Amino acid sequence: MSSFPFLSMFAGSEIVSNADYLDVNFSAANFNMLPIVNFSIEQNIETYVSDLTLTTARLNFSSKYSGRITYLIRPASE
C-alpha cells in the first residue's frame, strides 16, 4: 500500500517580471517526503531548482526572466 499524502500533486503557474528566481510554496500539499519539481518557461534560458524542502522550492533562472512559469510538484516514488 502506498503512503502518498492526500494530494498526489501540486500544480500552478505564475507570471514574473525581470526575476532572478521564483519561490513556490506548496505547503498545502502536505508532502511527507521531498517532492519532484518539474517546470517549464517560455524562453530558452538555463533553469534549476534549489532550496527544496517539504513545503517550498526556489526556481532559479540563469538571467533575468519575464514571462510565465508553469510547475508541477509531486511526491517522489518510494
N, C-alpha and C. Protein backbone atom coordinates (compact mmCIF):
# COMPACT_ATOMS: atom_id res chain seq x y z
N MET A 1 0.85 -1.18 0.00
CA MET A 1 0.00 0.00 0.00
C MET A 1 0.89 1.24 0.00
N SER A 2 0.49 2.19 -0.76
CA SER A 2 1.26 3.43 -0.89
C SER A 2 1.04 4.33 0.32
N SER A 3 2.06 5.12 0.65
CA SER A 3 1.94 6.06 1.75
C SER A 3 1.96 7.50 1.23
N PHE A 4 1.44 7.72 0.01
CA PHE A 4 1.39 9.07 -0.54
C PHE A 4 0.45 9.93 0.29
N PRO A 5 0.72 11.22 0.37
CA PRO A 5 -0.16 12.13 1.11
C PRO A 5 -1.50 12.29 0.40
N PHE A 6 -2.39 13.02 1.01
CA PHE A 6 -3.73 13.24 0.48
C PHE A 6 -3.69 13.81 -0.93
N LEU A 7 -2.93 14.87 -1.16
CA LEU A 7 -2.78 15.42 -2.51
C LEU A 7 -1.67 14.66 -3.22
N SER A 8 -1.93 14.23 -4.44
CA SER A 8 -0.90 13.50 -5.16
C SER A 8 -0.01 14.41 -5.99
N MET A 9 -0.45 15.65 -6.22
CA MET A 9 0.39 16.61 -6.93
C MET A 9 -0.08 18.02 -6.64
N PHE A 10 0.79 18.97 -6.93
CA PHE A 10 0.50 20.39 -6.74
C PHE A 10 0.92 21.08 -8.03
N ALA A 11 0.01 21.77 -8.69
CA ALA A 11 0.32 22.40 -9.96
C ALA A 11 -0.07 23.87 -9.92
N GLY A 12 0.60 24.65 -10.74
CA GLY A 12 0.27 26.07 -10.82
C GLY A 12 1.08 26.75 -11.90
N SER A 13 0.79 28.03 -12.09
CA SER A 13 1.59 28.85 -12.99
C SER A 13 1.57 30.28 -12.47
N GLU A 14 2.63 30.98 -12.75
CA GLU A 14 2.75 32.37 -12.32
C GLU A 14 3.46 33.16 -13.41
N ILE A 15 3.19 34.44 -13.44
CA ILE A 15 3.88 35.34 -14.36
C ILE A 15 4.81 36.22 -13.54
N VAL A 16 6.07 36.28 -13.96
CA VAL A 16 7.06 37.11 -13.26
C VAL A 16 7.60 38.15 -14.24
N SER A 17 8.19 39.19 -13.69
CA SER A 17 8.77 40.24 -14.50
C SER A 17 10.18 40.55 -14.00
N ASN A 18 11.16 40.36 -14.87
CA ASN A 18 12.55 40.70 -14.57
C ASN A 18 13.05 40.01 -13.30
N ALA A 19 12.77 38.71 -13.18
CA ALA A 19 13.07 37.97 -11.96
C ALA A 19 14.32 37.11 -12.11
N ASP A 20 15.04 36.94 -11.01
CA ASP A 20 16.17 36.01 -10.94
C ASP A 20 15.70 34.63 -10.50
N TYR A 21 14.59 34.57 -9.77
CA TYR A 21 14.07 33.31 -9.25
C TYR A 21 12.59 33.47 -8.89
N LEU A 22 11.95 32.34 -8.63
CA LEU A 22 10.58 32.32 -8.15
C LEU A 22 10.52 31.33 -6.99
N ASP A 23 10.01 31.76 -5.85
CA ASP A 23 9.79 30.86 -4.73
C ASP A 23 8.37 30.32 -4.81
N VAL A 24 8.24 28.99 -4.73
CA VAL A 24 6.95 28.33 -4.80
C VAL A 24 6.66 27.71 -3.44
N ASN A 25 5.50 28.01 -2.88
CA ASN A 25 5.08 27.45 -1.60
C ASN A 25 3.97 26.44 -1.88
N PHE A 26 4.24 25.17 -1.58
CA PHE A 26 3.27 24.11 -1.79
C PHE A 26 2.94 23.41 -0.47
N SER A 27 2.97 24.17 0.63
CA SER A 27 2.71 23.60 1.96
C SER A 27 1.31 22.98 2.06
N ALA A 28 0.37 23.47 1.26
CA ALA A 28 -0.99 22.91 1.29
C ALA A 28 -1.01 21.44 0.85
N ALA A 29 0.00 21.02 0.12
CA ALA A 29 0.05 19.64 -0.35
C ALA A 29 0.39 18.66 0.76
N ASN A 30 1.04 19.14 1.82
CA ASN A 30 1.38 18.30 2.97
C ASN A 30 2.18 17.05 2.59
N PHE A 31 3.20 17.23 1.75
CA PHE A 31 4.05 16.11 1.36
C PHE A 31 4.83 15.59 2.57
N ASN A 32 5.07 14.29 2.61
CA ASN A 32 5.83 13.71 3.71
C ASN A 32 7.22 13.24 3.28
N MET A 33 7.60 13.52 2.03
CA MET A 33 8.94 13.26 1.52
C MET A 33 9.25 14.35 0.51
N LEU A 34 10.54 14.57 0.24
CA LEU A 34 10.90 15.61 -0.73
C LEU A 34 10.26 15.29 -2.07
N PRO A 35 9.61 16.27 -2.67
CA PRO A 35 8.91 16.03 -3.93
C PRO A 35 9.82 16.19 -5.14
N ILE A 36 9.28 15.81 -6.27
CA ILE A 36 9.92 16.05 -7.57
C ILE A 36 9.29 17.31 -8.13
N VAL A 37 10.12 18.23 -8.61
CA VAL A 37 9.64 19.50 -9.14
C VAL A 37 9.93 19.54 -10.64
N ASN A 38 8.88 19.69 -11.43
CA ASN A 38 9.00 19.88 -12.87
C ASN A 38 8.43 21.24 -13.20
N PHE A 39 9.08 21.95 -14.12
CA PHE A 39 8.56 23.25 -14.51
C PHE A 39 8.99 23.58 -15.92
N SER A 40 8.27 24.50 -16.53
CA SER A 40 8.63 24.96 -17.87
C SER A 40 8.47 26.47 -17.92
N ILE A 41 9.26 27.08 -18.81
CA ILE A 41 9.19 28.52 -19.01
C ILE A 41 9.10 28.79 -20.51
N GLU A 42 8.79 30.03 -20.87
CA GLU A 42 8.54 30.39 -22.26
C GLU A 42 9.81 30.73 -23.05
N GLN A 43 10.94 30.89 -22.38
CA GLN A 43 12.18 31.24 -23.06
C GLN A 43 13.20 30.13 -22.89
N ASN A 44 14.22 30.16 -23.73
CA ASN A 44 15.26 29.15 -23.67
C ASN A 44 16.44 29.67 -22.83
N ILE A 45 16.27 29.65 -21.50
CA ILE A 45 17.36 30.01 -20.59
C ILE A 45 17.54 28.87 -19.59
N GLU A 46 18.72 28.80 -19.02
CA GLU A 46 19.00 27.75 -18.05
C GLU A 46 18.17 27.98 -16.79
N THR A 47 17.59 26.91 -16.28
CA THR A 47 16.78 26.97 -15.06
C THR A 47 17.12 25.79 -14.18
N TYR A 48 16.98 25.96 -12.88
CA TYR A 48 17.24 24.87 -11.95
C TYR A 48 16.51 25.12 -10.63
N VAL A 49 16.34 24.03 -9.87
CA VAL A 49 15.66 24.08 -8.58
C VAL A 49 16.71 24.11 -7.48
N SER A 50 16.48 24.96 -6.46
CA SER A 50 17.34 24.96 -5.28
C SER A 50 16.46 25.12 -4.04
N ASP A 51 17.07 24.99 -2.89
CA ASP A 51 16.38 25.19 -1.60
C ASP A 51 15.08 24.39 -1.50
N LEU A 52 15.13 23.14 -1.94
CA LEU A 52 13.95 22.27 -1.91
C LEU A 52 13.71 21.75 -0.50
N THR A 53 12.48 21.94 -0.01
CA THR A 53 12.06 21.41 1.29
C THR A 53 10.74 20.67 1.10
N LEU A 54 10.13 20.23 2.19
CA LEU A 54 8.83 19.57 2.12
C LEU A 54 7.71 20.54 1.75
N THR A 55 7.97 21.84 1.87
CA THR A 55 6.91 22.83 1.64
C THR A 55 7.23 23.93 0.61
N THR A 56 8.49 24.09 0.24
CA THR A 56 8.87 25.16 -0.69
C THR A 56 9.99 24.72 -1.63
N ALA A 57 10.12 25.46 -2.73
CA ALA A 57 11.23 25.28 -3.67
C ALA A 57 11.51 26.63 -4.32
N ARG A 58 12.74 26.82 -4.70
CA ARG A 58 13.12 28.03 -5.43
C ARG A 58 13.48 27.61 -6.87
N LEU A 59 12.83 28.27 -7.84
CA LEU A 59 13.10 28.03 -9.25
C LEU A 59 13.99 29.18 -9.72
N ASN A 60 15.22 28.87 -10.11
CA ASN A 60 16.23 29.88 -10.46
C ASN A 60 16.38 29.99 -11.98
N PHE A 61 16.64 31.21 -12.44
CA PHE A 61 16.86 31.49 -13.85
C PHE A 61 18.29 31.99 -14.04
N SER A 62 18.94 31.59 -15.14
CA SER A 62 20.33 31.98 -15.35
C SER A 62 20.48 33.45 -15.71
N SER A 63 19.41 34.08 -16.13
CA SER A 63 19.41 35.52 -16.39
C SER A 63 18.02 36.05 -16.04
N LYS A 64 17.89 37.36 -16.00
CA LYS A 64 16.59 37.97 -15.67
C LYS A 64 15.53 37.40 -16.61
N TYR A 65 14.41 36.98 -16.02
CA TYR A 65 13.35 36.35 -16.80
C TYR A 65 12.03 37.07 -16.61
N SER A 66 11.33 37.30 -17.70
CA SER A 66 9.97 37.84 -17.67
C SER A 66 9.10 36.90 -18.48
N GLY A 67 8.05 36.41 -17.87
CA GLY A 67 7.14 35.50 -18.57
C GLY A 67 6.46 34.56 -17.60
N ARG A 68 5.83 33.54 -18.16
CA ARG A 68 5.06 32.57 -17.39
C ARG A 68 5.94 31.37 -17.00
N ILE A 69 5.78 30.92 -15.77
CA ILE A 69 6.39 29.69 -15.26
C ILE A 69 5.25 28.76 -14.90
N THR A 70 5.26 27.56 -15.45
CA THR A 70 4.27 26.54 -15.13
C THR A 70 4.98 25.44 -14.38
N TYR A 71 4.42 24.98 -13.25
CA TYR A 71 5.10 23.97 -12.46
C TYR A 71 4.15 22.86 -12.02
N LEU A 72 4.74 21.69 -11.82
CA LEU A 72 4.04 20.52 -11.33
C LEU A 72 4.94 19.90 -10.27
N ILE A 73 4.43 19.75 -9.06
CA ILE A 73 5.20 19.22 -7.95
C ILE A 73 4.48 17.97 -7.46
N ARG A 74 5.22 16.86 -7.38
CA ARG A 74 4.59 15.60 -6.99
C ARG A 74 5.53 14.81 -6.10
N PRO A 75 4.98 13.90 -5.31
CA PRO A 75 5.84 13.11 -4.43
C PRO A 75 6.79 12.22 -5.23
N ALA A 76 7.96 12.02 -4.68
CA ALA A 76 8.89 11.06 -5.27
C ALA A 76 8.36 9.67 -4.99
N SER A 77 8.60 8.74 -5.90
CA SER A 77 8.16 7.36 -5.64
C SER A 77 9.03 6.75 -4.57
N GLU A 78 8.48 5.81 -3.89
CA GLU A 78 9.19 5.18 -2.76
C GLU A 78 10.25 4.24 -3.26
